Amino acid sequence: MAIIITDDCINCGACEPECPNNAIYEGGVEWAVADGTSVKGDFVLMNGSHTDADERHAPIAVDYYYIVPDKCTECQGFHDEPQCAAVCPVDCCVPDEKYRETIEELLAKKDKMHL
């Protein structure tokens, strides 16, 4: 499953540079699938909708850092554990129960983003 940053976030920013998928954004910043990935053109989001990889999307959170579930792979294929959780000083990077994915699904998502 994807990781979520709770509202306990202190906005230290330690998590953002650790994400190999560039799935972590500062609160209020728009996101795109293409940010930090090799995705070009049409991309199918987890909800089945289509987006252009370069299309900017509204921020998921405004007051604290957030993780885009469509880009989060729990660091599968890169590290042994989610790096955001490993470096978070207040333990606010936790599994997001709304997005349950198998290791195989997470690895497939990683492969789609990093051709």
C-alpha atoms as a PDB file:
ATOM      1  CA  MET A   1       0.000   0.000   0.000  1.00  0.00           C
ATOM      2  CA  ALA A   2       1.064   3.587  -0.410  1.00  0.00           C
ATOM      3  CA  ILE A   3       2.429   5.642   2.452  1.00  0.00           C
ATOM      4  CA  ILE A   4       0.590   8.707   3.761  1.00  0.00           C
ATOM      5  CA  ILE A   5       1.943  11.636   5.744  1.00  0.00           C
ATOM      6  CA  THR A   6      -0.310  12.452   8.673  1.00  0.00           C
ATOM      7  CA  ASP A   7      -1.148  15.923   9.923  1.00  0.00           C
ATOM      8  CA  ASP A   8       1.456  15.383  12.664  1.00  0.00           C
ATOM      9  CA  CYS A   9       4.031  16.420  10.025  1.00  0.00           C
ATOM     10  CA  ILE A  10       6.319  19.216  11.248  1.00  0.00           C
ATOM     11  CA  ASN A  11       7.317  20.217   7.689  1.00  0.00           C
ATOM     12  CA  CYS A  12      10.989  19.402   8.233  1.00  0.00           C
ATOM     13  CA  GLY A  13      11.336  18.198   4.622  1.00  0.00           C
ATOM     14  CA  ALA A  14      13.563  15.223   5.512  1.00  0.00           C
ATOM     15  CA  CYS A  15      11.355  12.825   3.545  1.00  0.00           C
ATOM     16  CA  GLU A  16      11.183  14.629   0.204  1.00  0.00           C
ATOM     17  CA  PRO A  17      14.753  14.040  -1.072  1.00  0.00           C
ATOM     18  CA  GLU A  18      14.641  10.390   0.054  1.00  0.00           C
ATOM     19  CA  CYS A  19      11.795   9.394  -2.285  1.00  0.00           C
ATOM     20  CA  PRO A  20      13.089   7.561  -5.387  1.00  0.00           C
ATOM     21  CA  ASN A  21       9.802   8.241  -7.212  1.00  0.00           C
ATOM     22  CA  ASN A  22       9.542  11.938  -6.429  1.00  0.00           C
ATOM     23  CA  ALA A  23       6.142  11.160  -4.894  1.00  0.00           C
ATOM     24  CA  ILE A  24       6.564  13.556  -1.958  1.00  0.00           C
ATOM     25  CA  TYR A  25       5.655  17.212  -2.305  1.00  0.00           C
ATOM     26  CA  GLU A  26       5.676  20.205  -0.022  1.00  0.00           C
ATOM     27  CA  GLY A  27       2.192  21.226   1.065  1.00  0.00           C
ATOM     28  CA  GLY A  28       0.440  23.418  -1.473  1.00  0.00           C
ATOM     29  CA  VAL A  29       2.678  22.412  -4.405  1.00  0.00           C
ATOM     30  CA  GLU A  30       1.008  20.932  -7.503  1.00  0.00           C
ATOM     31  CA  TRP A  31       2.215  17.504  -8.636  1.00  0.00           C
ATOM     32  CA  ALA A  32       2.673  15.669 -11.949  1.00  0.00           C
ATOM     33  CA  VAL A  33       3.403  12.034 -12.779  1.00  0.00           C
ATOM     34  CA  ALA A  34       6.398  13.131 -14.876  1.00  0.00           C
ATOM     35  CA  ASP A  35       8.129  14.827 -11.932  1.00  0.00           C
ATOM     36  CA  GLY A  36      11.211  12.713 -11.222  1.00  0.00           C
ATOM     37  CA  THR A  37      10.102   9.827 -13.452  1.00  0.00           C
ATOM     38  CA  SER A  38      10.607   8.876 -17.085  1.00  0.00           C
ATOM     39  CA  VAL A  39       6.868   8.786 -17.840  1.00  0.00           C
ATOM     40  CA  LYS A  40       5.759  10.592 -20.996  1.00  0.00           C
ATOM     41  CA  GLY A  41       2.288  10.992 -22.488  1.00  0.00           C
ATOM     42  CA  ASP A  42      -0.803   9.190 -21.226  1.00  0.00           C
ATOM     43  CA  PHE A  43      -0.692   7.599 -17.760  1.00  0.00           C
ATOM     44  CA  VAL A  44      -3.437   5.588 -16.068  1.00  0.00           C
ATOM     45  CA  LEU A  45      -3.959   6.563 -12.430  1.00  0.00           C
ATOM     46  CA  MET A  46      -4.937   4.060  -9.730  1.00  0.00           C
ATOM     47  CA  ASN A  47      -8.591   5.119  -9.968  1.00  0.00           C
ATOM     48  CA  GLY A  48      -8.613   4.190 -13.679  1.00  0.00           C
ATOM     49  CA  SER A  49      -8.664   7.737 -14.990  1.00  0.00           C
ATOM     50  CA  HIS A  50      -6.144   8.940 -17.561  1.00  0.00           C
ATOM     51  CA  THR A  51      -3.846  11.920 -17.281  1.00  0.00           C
ATOM     52  CA  ASP A  52      -1.011  13.365 -19.285  1.00  0.00           C
ATOM     53  CA  ALA A  53       2.232  12.768 -17.404  1.00  0.00           C
ATOM     54  CA  ASP A  54       3.053  16.487 -17.506  1.00  0.00           C
ATOM     55  CA  GLU A  55      -0.381  17.631 -16.322  1.00  0.00           C
ATOM     56  CA  ARG A  56      -0.225  19.487 -13.011  1.00  0.00           C
ATOM     57  CA  HIS A  57      -2.656  18.283 -10.336  1.00  0.00           C
ATOM     58  CA  ALA A  58      -3.989  20.055  -7.266  1.00  0.00           C
ATOM     59  CA  PRO A  59      -2.026  19.451  -4.079  1.00  0.00           C
ATOM     60  CA  ILE A  60      -3.306  16.663  -1.834  1.00  0.00           C
ATOM     61  CA  ALA A  61      -2.403  18.683   1.272  1.00  0.00           C
ATOM     62  CA  VAL A  62      -1.774  22.373   1.776  1.00  0.00           C
ATOM     63  CA  ASP A  63      -0.424  22.679   5.304  1.00  0.00           C
ATOM     64  CA  TYR A  64       2.131  19.850   5.344  1.00  0.00           C
ATOM     65  CA  TYR A  65       4.096  17.545   3.036  1.00  0.00           C
ATOM     66  CA  TYR A  66       2.109  14.885   1.196  1.00  0.00           C
ATOM     67  CA  ILE A  67       2.671  11.714  -0.818  1.00  0.00           C
ATOM     68  CA  VAL A  68       0.996  11.071  -4.170  1.00  0.00           C
ATOM     69  CA  PRO A  69      -0.364   7.494  -3.906  1.00  0.00           C
ATOM     70  CA  ASP A  70      -0.187   7.053  -7.690  1.00  0.00           C
ATOM     71  CA  LYS A  71       3.595   7.485  -7.497  1.00  0.00           C
ATOM     72  CA  CYS A  72       4.368   5.789  -4.163  1.00  0.00           C
ATOM     73  CA  THR A  73       5.856   2.299  -4.363  1.00  0.00           C
ATOM     74  CA  GLU A  74       6.905   2.028  -0.702  1.00  0.00           C
ATOM     75  CA  CYS A  75      10.434   2.147  -2.169  1.00  0.00           C
ATOM     76  CA  GLN A  76       9.984  -1.391  -3.573  1.00  0.00           C
ATOM     77  CA  GLY A  77      12.780  -2.122  -6.041  1.00  0.00           C
ATOM     78  CA  PHE A  78      14.957   0.617  -4.520  1.00  0.00           C
ATOM     79  CA  HIS A  79      15.249   0.029  -0.756  1.00  0.00           C
ATOM     80  CA  ASP A  80      14.293  -2.531   1.879  1.00  0.00           C
ATOM     81  CA  GLU A  81      11.883  -0.133   3.602  1.00  0.00           C
ATOM     82  CA  PRO A  82      10.045   3.122   2.827  1.00  0.00           C
ATOM     83  CA  GLN A  83      12.717   5.780   3.154  1.00  0.00           C
ATOM     84  CA  CYS A  84      10.280   8.536   4.121  1.00  0.00           C
ATOM     85  CA  ALA A  85       9.282   6.562   7.229  1.00  0.00           C
ATOM     86  CA  ALA A  86      12.908   5.722   7.993  1.00  0.00           C
ATOM     87  CA  VAL A  87      13.980   9.380   8.132  1.00  0.00           C
ATOM     88  CA  CYS A  88      10.832  10.960   9.605  1.00  0.00           C
ATOM     89  CA  PRO A  89      11.645  12.392  13.053  1.00  0.00           C
ATOM     90  CA  VAL A  90       8.000  12.336  14.204  1.00  0.00           C
ATOM     91  CA  ASP A  91       6.883   9.008  12.660  1.00  0.00           C
ATOM     92  CA  CYS A  92       4.124  10.581  10.570  1.00  0.00           C
ATOM     93  CA  CYS A  93       4.826   8.524   7.412  1.00  0.00           C
ATOM     94  CA  VAL A  94       2.517   5.544   7.833  1.00  0.00           C
ATOM     95  CA  PRO A  95       0.768   2.989   5.573  1.00  0.00           C
ATOM     96  CA  ASP A  96      -2.281   4.423   3.813  1.00  0.00           C
ATOM     97  CA  GLU A  97      -5.086   1.923   4.347  1.00  0.00           C
ATOM     98  CA  LYS A  98      -7.011   3.325   1.345  1.00  0.00           C
ATOM     99  CA  TYR A  99      -4.371   2.069  -1.094  1.00  0.00           C
ATOM    100  CA  ARG A 100      -3.626  -1.623  -0.658  1.00  0.00           C
ATOM    101  CA  GLU A 101      -1.162  -3.040  -3.193  1.00  0.00           C
ATOM    102  CA  THR A 102       0.887  -6.218  -3.328  1.00  0.00           C
ATOM    103  CA  ILE A 103       4.653  -6.156  -3.696  1.00  0.00           C
ATOM    104  CA  GLU A 104       4.177  -7.278  -7.293  1.00  0.00           C
ATOM    105  CA  GLU A 105       1.806  -4.359  -7.974  1.00  0.00           C
ATOM    106  CA  LEU A 106       4.227  -1.904  -6.372  1.00  0.00           C
ATOM    107  CA  LEU A 107       7.111  -3.253  -8.473  1.00  0.00           C
ATOM    108  CA  ALA A 108       4.980  -3.003 -11.622  1.00  0.00           C
ATOM    109  CA  LYS A 109       4.164   0.609 -10.763  1.00  0.00           C
ATOM    110  CA  LYS A 110       7.873   1.303 -10.262  1.00  0.00           C
ATOM    111  CA  ASP A 111       8.657  -0.241 -13.642  1.00  0.00           C
ATOM    112  CA  LYS A 112       5.986   1.925 -15.328  1.00  0.00           C
ATOM    113  CA  MET A 113       7.524   5.095 -13.889  1.00  0.00           C
ATOM    114  CA  HIS A 114      11.191   4.270 -14.468  1.00  0.00           C
ATOM    115  CA  LEU A 115      11.560   2.892 -17.983  1.00  0.00           C
END
